[in-house]
Amino acid sequence: MELLKKWLGHPEDIYNLLRFKMGGYRTVMPRVDPDSLECGLRTCYRYLNQTSRSFAAVIQALDGELRHAVCIFYLVLRALDTIEDDMTISLDVKVPMLHEFHSYLYQPEWKYMESKEKDRQVLEDFPTISMEFRNLSKVYRDVISDICHKMGVGMAEFLEKKVDSQREWDRYCHYVAGLVGIGLSRLFSASELEDAIVGQDTELANSMGLFLQKTNIIRDYLEDQMEGREFWPREVWSRYAKKLSDLAKPENIDMAVQCLNELITNALHHVPDVLTYLSRLKNQSVFNFCAIPQVMAIATLAACYNNKQVFRGVVKIRKGQAVSLMMDATNIQAVKAIMYQYVEEIYQKIPSTDPSSNKTQQIITSIRAMSLPSSPMASRNHYSPIYLSCAMLLAALSWQYLSTISKATEDYVQAGEN
């Protein structure tokens, strides 16, 4: 019954979930037919689906040979990330591995069998992944190897130090996400599906990654605290608490929310770059691939802004909301309208007493100027009384059915994954 109440509050979610489940997802996320692939590639796509439900969906929607290049790129970085995350590997072993990992791509027999991480299969069967890497065209291999090398060096740098300044926060996010954005952009251009400028403008590509990574770090405060990880920059949180963990204490909730709002304001400064980057894309599959995570991120930030729940549990956008974003974000005008909608939502929640209120208002003004609605998408969430009545009736009749299919829908709408 709680599920029914939730959907009754958002009748558009019911319509979009049904539309998505009944074939709408194929317009943005067609899946690869495994029977059409050679054995090695089939194994790689299986690992892709096992290690990332959300990225697996958008990667498989890419056009042509770019799809395979991005699949291998993802698995190589997943293997590298698995080594970084594995706390059972001593630093004297881990640091050299991170530095040299790019060279393993050209060592047919290299694999690592000692990992205890959940995604260890990408290390244990690395020979299959590296073989498919070597089967890629040289233009793709060069990009993947270069990014892998730079990321490994950056990961090693931050193994033994915490993120102190905001500049270091940007540097850390560059290593773990900005480089991914740069690498993907270079792959897009190498495929000739996008113009050379997309891969050459590393500043915009870096911002694409930083916006997603900062959103994840902000949202995952409590989870990271429970697992002993700290990614919020000391320069910011030290103005609000003696220890980062103190922000989770009930007596500190007001200061915690102010700290949260300051970090969200910081992340919003990447939105203008995101819009400029997306405006350059020509290929539909590449646009969908890039735009969907970005609109999920802005919706997540809007949900987190000024929200005490970030320090008490998990803040997530609704499945129906995620589905709507996926199906709407297929052109730049639609994305601008979505961005406009969510920054307006943030603007309406800015407390007058918040220390960052002026900065938040200023960046939202800049985003508004770039994303003023100029299409019907601007009124995408206005529903007629007849539609609402039908949706309410549909909710009453089908809420139990939807509760069953919503689990399956998660394969397509898991948002904000690293």
Protein backbone atom coordinates (compact mmCIF):
# COMPACT_ATOMS: atom_id res chain seq x y z
CA MET A 1 0.00 0.00 0.00
CA GLU A 2 2.93 2.36 0.65
CA LEU A 3 4.02 1.75 -2.93
CA LEU A 4 0.56 2.71 -4.15
CA LYS A 5 0.63 5.94 -2.12
CA LYS A 6 4.03 6.83 -3.55
CA TRP A 7 2.85 6.34 -7.13
CA LEU A 8 -0.41 8.19 -6.52
CA GLY A 9 1.74 11.20 -5.61
CA HIS A 10 3.54 10.94 -8.94
CA PRO A 11 1.07 9.58 -11.51
CA GLU A 12 3.43 10.39 -14.38
CA ASP A 13 5.80 7.73 -12.98
CA ILE A 14 3.23 5.02 -13.64
CA TYR A 15 2.80 6.05 -17.25
CA ASN A 16 6.53 6.28 -17.87
CA LEU A 17 7.34 2.99 -16.13
CA LEU A 18 4.74 1.20 -18.23
CA ARG A 19 5.91 2.92 -21.41
CA PHE A 20 9.50 2.01 -20.58
CA LYS A 21 8.76 -1.61 -19.68
CA MET A 22 6.56 -2.15 -22.72
CA GLY A 23 9.33 -1.33 -25.19
CA GLY A 24 10.23 2.32 -24.67
CA TYR A 25 13.68 1.40 -23.36
CA ARG A 26 14.62 0.06 -26.79
CA THR A 27 14.60 3.60 -28.19
CA VAL A 28 17.47 4.64 -25.91
CA MET A 29 19.04 1.35 -24.85
CA PRO A 30 18.90 -1.43 -27.44
CA ARG A 31 20.80 -4.48 -26.26
CA VAL A 32 23.57 -6.40 -28.02
CA ASP A 33 22.67 -9.86 -29.30
CA PRO A 34 25.29 -12.11 -27.62
CA ASP A 35 24.88 -14.78 -30.32
CA SER A 36 26.24 -12.34 -32.88
CA LEU A 37 29.57 -11.99 -31.04
CA GLU A 38 32.78 -14.01 -31.07
CA CYS A 39 33.52 -15.99 -27.90
CA GLY A 40 35.92 -13.45 -26.35
CA LEU A 41 33.65 -10.46 -26.92
CA ARG A 42 30.66 -12.43 -25.66
CA THR A 43 32.56 -13.07 -22.43
CA CYS A 44 33.45 -9.38 -22.14
CA TYR A 45 29.82 -8.32 -22.48
CA ARG A 46 28.87 -10.89 -19.87
CA TYR A 47 31.40 -9.35 -17.47
CA LEU A 48 30.06 -5.91 -18.38
CA ASN A 49 26.53 -6.93 -17.43
CA GLN A 50 27.75 -8.58 -14.22
CA THR A 51 29.77 -5.59 -13.03
CA SER A 52 27.55 -2.68 -14.06
CA ARG A 53 23.85 -2.78 -14.83
CA SER A 54 23.56 0.90 -15.69
CA PHE A 55 26.73 1.29 -17.76
CA ALA A 56 26.08 -2.04 -19.50
CA ALA A 57 22.79 -0.70 -20.82
CA VAL A 58 24.10 2.59 -22.20
CA ILE A 59 27.31 1.07 -23.60
CA GLN A 60 25.40 -1.54 -25.56
CA ALA A 61 23.34 1.22 -27.16
CA LEU A 62 26.39 2.81 -28.81
CA ASP A 63 26.80 2.53 -32.57
CA GLY A 64 29.23 0.34 -34.47
CA GLU A 65 32.76 -0.48 -33.36
CA LEU A 66 32.64 2.29 -30.76
CA ARG A 67 30.44 -0.02 -28.66
CA HIS A 68 33.17 -2.66 -28.38
CA ALA A 69 35.89 -0.07 -27.69
CA VAL A 70 33.91 1.48 -24.83
CA CYS A 71 33.02 -1.97 -23.44
CA ILE A 72 36.71 -2.92 -23.27
CA PHE A 73 37.62 0.53 -21.91
CA TYR A 74 35.10 0.06 -19.11
CA LEU A 75 36.35 -3.44 -18.22
CA VAL A 76 40.00 -2.36 -18.19
CA LEU A 77 39.18 0.51 -15.83
CA ARG A 78 36.97 -1.78 -13.74
CA ALA A 79 39.95 -4.13 -13.32
CA LEU A 80 42.19 -1.20 -12.35
CA ASP A 81 39.57 0.09 -9.91
CA THR A 82 39.20 -3.38 -8.37
CA ILE A 83 42.90 -3.38 -7.51
CA GLU A 84 42.63 0.09 -5.98
CA ASP A 85 39.59 -0.88 -3.89
CA ASP A 86 41.02 -4.19 -2.62
CA MET A 87 42.17 -3.46 0.93
CA THR A 88 43.70 -6.96 1.23
CA ILE A 89 46.47 -6.01 -1.21
CA SER A 90 49.43 -4.45 0.62
CA LEU A 91 50.60 -1.03 -0.56
CA ASP A 92 54.03 -2.33 -1.54
CA VAL A 93 52.25 -4.64 -4.00
CA LYS A 94 49.37 -2.36 -4.98
CA VAL A 95 51.32 0.80 -5.86
CA PRO A 96 53.58 -0.89 -8.47
CA MET A 97 50.52 -2.69 -9.91
CA LEU A 98 48.66 0.59 -10.35
CA HIS A 99 51.68 2.21 -12.01
CA GLU A 100 52.27 -0.71 -14.37
CA PHE A 101 48.71 -1.80 -15.05
CA HIS A 102 48.62 -0.27 -18.55
CA SER A 103 51.50 -2.54 -19.55
CA TYR A 104 49.49 -5.64 -18.63
CA LEU A 105 47.25 -4.89 -21.61
CA TYR A 106 50.07 -6.16 -23.84
CA GLN A 107 50.97 -9.19 -21.68
CA PRO A 108 48.67 -12.01 -22.95
CA GLU A 109 49.07 -14.21 -19.87
CA TRP A 110 48.85 -11.59 -17.11
CA LYS A 111 46.12 -12.10 -14.54
CA TYR A 112 45.67 -11.62 -10.81
CA MET A 113 44.14 -14.39 -8.73
CA GLU A 114 44.48 -13.02 -5.19
CA SER A 115 41.75 -10.38 -5.12
CA LYS A 116 38.89 -10.66 -2.63
CA GLU A 117 36.73 -8.01 -4.31
CA LYS A 118 33.29 -8.83 -5.74
CA ASP A 119 34.38 -7.97 -9.31
CA ARG A 120 37.54 -10.08 -9.16
CA GLN A 121 36.55 -12.03 -12.28
CA VAL A 122 37.81 -9.16 -14.44
CA LEU A 123 41.26 -9.70 -12.91
CA GLU A 124 41.13 -13.48 -12.90
CA ASP A 125 40.16 -13.58 -16.57
CA PHE A 126 42.09 -10.50 -17.60
CA PRO A 127 43.69 -12.46 -20.51
CA THR A 128 40.30 -12.49 -22.26
CA ILE A 129 39.85 -8.74 -21.76
CA SER A 130 43.40 -7.91 -22.83
CA MET A 131 43.04 -10.12 -25.90
CA GLU A 132 39.95 -8.19 -27.00
CA PHE A 133 41.81 -4.96 -26.23
CA ARG A 134 44.58 -6.01 -28.62
CA ASN A 135 41.94 -6.82 -31.24
CA LEU A 136 40.78 -3.18 -31.27
CA SER A 137 42.02 -0.68 -33.84
CA LYS A 138 45.20 1.13 -32.84
CA VAL A 139 43.39 4.46 -32.45
CA TYR A 140 41.29 2.91 -29.67
CA ARG A 141 44.17 0.99 -28.07
CA ASP A 142 46.28 4.12 -27.78
CA VAL A 143 43.52 6.03 -25.97
CA ILE A 144 42.69 3.20 -23.55
CA SER A 145 46.33 2.49 -22.68
CA ASP A 146 47.11 6.19 -22.14
CA ILE A 147 44.11 6.81 -19.87
CA CYS A 148 44.77 3.59 -17.95
CA HIS A 149 48.36 4.71 -17.30
CA LYS A 150 47.37 8.19 -16.11
CA MET A 151 44.57 6.86 -13.93
CA GLY A 152 46.80 4.25 -12.30
CA VAL A 153 49.37 6.90 -11.39
CA GLY A 154 46.66 9.15 -9.98
CA MET A 155 45.08 6.37 -7.93
CA ALA A 156 48.47 5.51 -6.43
CA GLU A 157 48.96 9.17 -5.48
CA PHE A 158 45.78 9.27 -3.41
CA LEU A 159 46.17 5.88 -1.72
CA GLU A 160 47.95 7.32 1.28
CA LYS A 161 46.55 10.83 1.49
CA LYS A 162 43.16 12.35 2.08
CA VAL A 163 41.48 15.05 0.04
CA ASP A 164 42.25 18.33 1.79
CA SER A 165 41.72 21.35 -0.44
CA GLN A 166 39.03 21.93 -3.04
CA ARG A 167 41.83 21.94 -5.60
CA GLU A 168 42.82 18.44 -4.46
CA TRP A 169 39.15 17.41 -4.64
CA ASP A 170 39.14 18.44 -8.29
CA ARG A 171 42.44 16.59 -8.81
CA TYR A 172 41.14 13.39 -7.21
CA CYS A 173 37.91 13.55 -9.23
CA HIS A 174 39.98 14.16 -12.36
CA TYR A 175 41.94 10.96 -11.80
CA VAL A 176 38.96 8.73 -11.11
CA ALA A 177 36.32 10.31 -13.39
CA GLY A 178 37.61 13.26 -15.40
CA LEU A 179 40.10 11.00 -17.16
CA VAL A 180 37.21 8.68 -18.03
CA GLY A 181 35.39 11.62 -19.64
CA ILE A 182 38.54 12.57 -21.55
CA GLY A 183 39.13 9.00 -22.68
CA LEU A 184 35.56 8.51 -23.82
CA SER A 185 35.64 11.80 -25.72
CA ARG A 186 38.80 10.73 -27.52
CA LEU A 187 37.15 7.41 -28.39
CA PHE A 188 34.10 9.24 -29.76
CA SER A 189 36.32 11.31 -32.04
CA ALA A 190 38.48 8.31 -33.01
CA SER A 191 35.33 6.51 -34.16
CA GLU A 192 34.56 9.52 -36.41
CA LEU A 193 31.02 9.54 -35.05
CA GLU A 194 31.92 12.88 -33.47
CA ASP A 195 34.08 15.81 -34.59
CA ALA A 196 37.72 16.04 -33.53
CA ILE A 197 36.98 18.96 -31.17
CA VAL A 198 35.03 16.63 -28.85
CA GLY A 199 38.17 14.66 -28.08
CA GLN A 200 40.50 17.65 -28.16
CA ASP A 201 38.65 19.85 -25.64
CA THR A 202 39.84 18.08 -22.50
CA GLU A 203 38.56 20.81 -20.18
CA LEU A 204 34.93 20.19 -21.11
CA ALA A 205 35.39 16.42 -21.10
CA ASN A 206 36.97 16.63 -17.65
CA SER A 207 33.98 18.63 -16.36
CA MET A 208 31.62 15.91 -17.57
CA GLY A 209 33.40 13.43 -15.31
CA LEU A 210 33.80 15.79 -12.37
CA PHE A 211 30.08 16.61 -12.30
CA LEU A 212 29.16 12.93 -12.05
CA GLN A 213 31.88 12.07 -9.53
CA LYS A 214 31.13 14.99 -7.22
CA THR A 215 27.45 14.07 -7.29
CA ASN A 216 28.31 10.52 -6.24
CA ILE A 217 30.63 11.71 -3.47
CA ILE A 218 28.04 14.15 -2.13
CA ARG A 219 25.20 11.63 -2.21
CA ASP A 220 27.26 8.79 -0.72
CA TYR A 221 28.43 10.62 2.42
CA LEU A 222 26.85 8.18 4.87
CA GLU A 223 27.77 5.02 2.95
CA ASP A 224 31.40 6.14 2.68
CA GLN A 225 31.50 6.98 6.37
CA MET A 226 30.22 3.53 7.28
CA GLU A 227 32.95 1.94 5.14
CA GLY A 228 35.71 4.17 6.45
CA ARG A 229 36.17 6.30 3.32
CA GLU A 230 36.39 10.09 3.21
CA PHE A 231 36.10 12.04 -0.04
CA TRP A 232 34.59 15.35 1.08
CA PRO A 233 37.32 18.03 0.99
CA ARG A 234 38.65 19.01 4.41
CA GLU A 235 38.88 22.67 3.35
CA VAL A 236 35.07 22.75 3.20
CA TRP A 237 33.87 20.41 5.95
CA SER A 238 36.37 21.70 8.54
CA ARG A 239 34.43 24.97 8.58
CA TYR A 240 31.41 23.09 9.86
CA ALA A 241 32.79 20.30 12.08
CA LYS A 242 35.96 19.08 13.82
CA LYS A 243 35.71 15.69 12.12
CA LEU A 244 33.89 14.72 8.94
CA SER A 245 32.05 11.99 10.84
CA ASP A 246 30.61 14.64 13.20
CA LEU A 247 28.29 15.83 10.43
CA ALA A 248 26.22 12.66 10.92
CA LYS A 249 25.47 13.51 14.56
CA PRO A 250 21.90 14.79 15.09
CA GLU A 251 23.10 17.80 17.09
CA ASN A 252 25.19 18.95 14.09
CA ILE A 253 22.52 18.56 11.42
CA ASP A 254 22.15 22.28 10.66
CA MET A 255 25.87 22.73 10.07
CA ALA A 256 25.95 19.47 8.10
CA VAL A 257 23.27 20.70 5.69
CA GLN A 258 25.15 23.98 5.18
CA CYS A 259 28.27 21.99 4.31
CA LEU A 260 26.22 19.85 1.94
CA ASN A 261 24.81 22.92 0.21
CA GLU A 262 28.28 24.38 -0.28
CA LEU A 263 29.52 21.20 -1.98
CA ILE A 264 26.44 21.01 -4.20
CA THR A 265 27.06 24.63 -5.21
CA ASN A 266 30.62 23.64 -6.10
CA ALA A 267 29.37 20.78 -8.28
CA LEU A 268 26.85 23.01 -10.07
CA HIS A 269 29.71 25.05 -11.51
CA HIS A 270 30.34 22.20 -13.96
CA VAL A 271 26.86 22.39 -15.49
CA PRO A 272 27.67 25.13 -18.05
CA ASP A 273 30.55 22.98 -19.35
CA VAL A 274 28.24 19.97 -19.49
CA LEU A 275 25.73 21.86 -21.64
CA THR A 276 28.45 23.16 -23.96
CA TYR A 277 29.88 19.65 -24.35
CA LEU A 278 26.50 18.06 -25.10
CA SER A 279 25.67 20.78 -27.64
CA ARG A 280 28.60 19.62 -29.78
CA LEU A 281 27.51 16.00 -30.10
CA LYS A 282 26.02 14.83 -33.41
CA ASN A 283 25.54 11.07 -33.08
CA GLN A 284 22.31 10.06 -31.32
CA SER A 285 23.75 7.03 -29.52
CA VAL A 286 26.69 9.07 -28.21
CA PHE A 287 24.36 11.87 -27.13
CA ASN A 288 22.14 9.46 -25.18
CA PHE A 289 25.21 7.81 -23.64
CA CYS A 290 26.51 11.17 -22.38
CA ALA A 291 23.28 12.96 -21.54
CA ILE A 292 21.50 10.31 -19.46
CA PRO A 293 24.05 10.22 -16.59
CA GLN A 294 24.21 14.03 -16.53
CA VAL A 295 20.46 14.54 -16.14
CA MET A 296 20.40 11.80 -13.50
CA ALA A 297 23.12 13.73 -11.66
CA ILE A 298 21.30 17.08 -11.69
CA ALA A 299 18.12 15.36 -10.46
CA THR A 300 20.14 13.70 -7.68
CA LEU A 301 21.67 17.01 -6.61
CA ALA A 302 18.22 18.60 -6.54
CA ALA A 303 17.03 15.77 -4.29
CA CYS A 304 20.06 16.15 -2.00
CA TYR A 305 20.12 19.96 -1.75
CA ASN A 306 19.24 21.20 1.75
CA ASN A 307 18.16 17.65 2.61
CA LYS A 308 18.94 16.30 6.08
CA GLN A 309 18.30 12.77 4.83
CA VAL A 310 21.75 12.71 3.18
CA PHE A 311 23.16 12.30 6.71
CA ARG A 312 20.57 9.74 7.80
CA GLY A 313 20.16 7.34 4.90
CA VAL A 314 20.14 7.04 1.14
CA VAL A 315 18.72 9.76 -1.11
CA LYS A 316 17.60 8.38 -4.47
CA ILE A 317 15.50 9.64 -7.32
CA ARG A 318 12.34 7.64 -8.04
CA LYS A 319 12.44 4.86 -10.65
CA GLY A 320 9.68 6.52 -12.66
CA GLN A 321 11.57 9.81 -12.47
CA ALA A 322 14.73 8.08 -13.72
CA VAL A 323 12.82 6.46 -16.57
CA SER A 324 11.36 9.83 -17.59
CA LEU A 325 14.83 11.36 -17.65
CA MET A 326 16.22 8.52 -19.75
CA MET A 327 13.45 8.75 -22.31
CA ASP A 328 13.37 12.56 -22.46
CA ALA A 329 17.10 13.36 -22.61
CA THR A 330 17.53 12.66 -26.32
CA ASN A 331 18.33 16.16 -27.64
CA ILE A 332 20.06 19.27 -26.36
CA GLN A 333 16.89 21.35 -25.98
CA ALA A 334 15.30 18.64 -23.86
CA VAL A 335 18.42 18.40 -21.70
CA LYS A 336 18.47 22.18 -21.24
CA ALA A 337 14.84 22.08 -20.15
CA ILE A 338 15.61 19.30 -17.65
CA MET A 339 18.58 21.21 -16.27
CA TYR A 340 16.43 24.34 -16.00
CA GLN A 341 13.73 22.43 -14.14
CA TYR A 342 16.09 21.03 -11.51
CA VAL A 343 18.15 24.15 -10.89
CA GLU A 344 14.87 25.97 -10.40
CA GLU A 345 13.95 23.30 -7.86
CA ILE A 346 17.23 23.95 -6.06
CA TYR A 347 16.72 27.72 -6.26
CA GLN A 348 13.36 27.45 -4.55
CA LYS A 349 14.97 25.57 -1.65
CA ILE A 350 17.87 27.98 -0.99
CA PRO A 351 17.64 29.10 2.67
CA SER A 352 18.17 32.84 3.06
CA THR A 353 20.48 32.13 6.01
CA ASP A 354 22.67 29.61 4.16
CA PRO A 355 26.32 30.79 4.00
CA SER A 356 26.53 29.70 0.35
CA SER A 357 23.20 31.17 -0.72
CA ASN A 358 24.68 34.00 -2.82
CA LYS A 359 27.08 31.67 -4.64
CA THR A 360 24.27 29.16 -5.24
CA GLN A 361 22.04 31.87 -6.69
CA GLN A 362 24.85 33.15 -8.91
CA ILE A 363 25.66 29.79 -10.50
CA ILE A 364 21.98 29.02 -10.99
CA THR A 365 21.60 32.39 -12.77
CA SER A 366 24.42 31.36 -15.13
CA ILE A 367 22.82 27.97 -15.80
CA ARG A 368 19.45 29.61 -16.41
CA ALA A 369 21.00 31.83 -19.08
CA MET A 370 22.24 28.75 -20.95
CA SER A 371 19.15 26.59 -20.52
CA LEU A 372 16.15 28.87 -20.92
CA PRO A 373 13.33 26.64 -22.21
CA SER A 374 12.52 27.18 -25.88
CA SER A 375 10.48 24.07 -26.61
CA PRO A 376 7.44 22.14 -25.35
CA MET A 377 9.84 20.28 -23.04
CA ALA A 378 9.64 23.29 -20.77
CA SER A 379 6.19 22.17 -19.66
CA ARG A 380 7.01 18.47 -19.67
CA ASN A 381 5.66 17.95 -16.14
CA HIS A 382 2.33 19.73 -16.57
CA TYR A 383 -0.46 17.20 -16.91
CA SER A 384 -4.10 17.80 -17.82
CA PRO A 385 -6.89 16.92 -15.37
CA ILE A 386 -8.07 14.14 -17.72
CA TYR A 387 -4.58 12.63 -17.83
CA LEU A 388 -4.29 12.81 -14.05
CA SER A 389 -7.65 11.15 -13.56
CA CYS A 390 -6.72 8.32 -15.93
CA ALA A 391 -3.36 7.92 -14.26
CA MET A 392 -4.95 7.74 -10.82
CA LEU A 393 -7.32 5.04 -12.06
CA LEU A 394 -4.44 3.19 -13.65
CA ALA A 395 -2.54 3.40 -10.36
CA ALA A 396 -5.43 1.87 -8.46
CA LEU A 397 -5.77 -0.98 -10.96
CA SER A 398 -2.13 -1.80 -11.60
CA TRP A 399 0.00 -0.88 -8.60
CA GLN A 400 0.53 -4.53 -7.68
CA TYR A 401 1.67 -5.39 -11.19
CA LEU A 402 4.06 -2.46 -11.21
CA SER A 403 5.59 -3.54 -7.92
CA THR A 404 6.56 -6.77 -9.66
CA ILE A 405 8.08 -5.23 -12.79
CA SER A 406 9.88 -2.40 -10.98
CA LYS A 407 12.60 -4.80 -9.87
CA ALA A 408 13.32 -5.72 -13.47
CA THR A 409 13.38 -2.07 -14.43
CA GLU A 410 16.37 -1.52 -12.13
CA ASP A 411 18.64 -3.01 -14.80
CA TYR A 412 18.01 0.09 -16.85
CA VAL A 413 17.56 2.88 -14.36
CA GLN A 414 20.34 2.44 -11.78
CA ALA A 415 21.55 6.04 -11.58
CA GLY A 416 24.68 7.74 -10.41
CA GLU A 417 26.96 4.70 -10.43
CA ASN A 418 30.77 5.37 -10.26
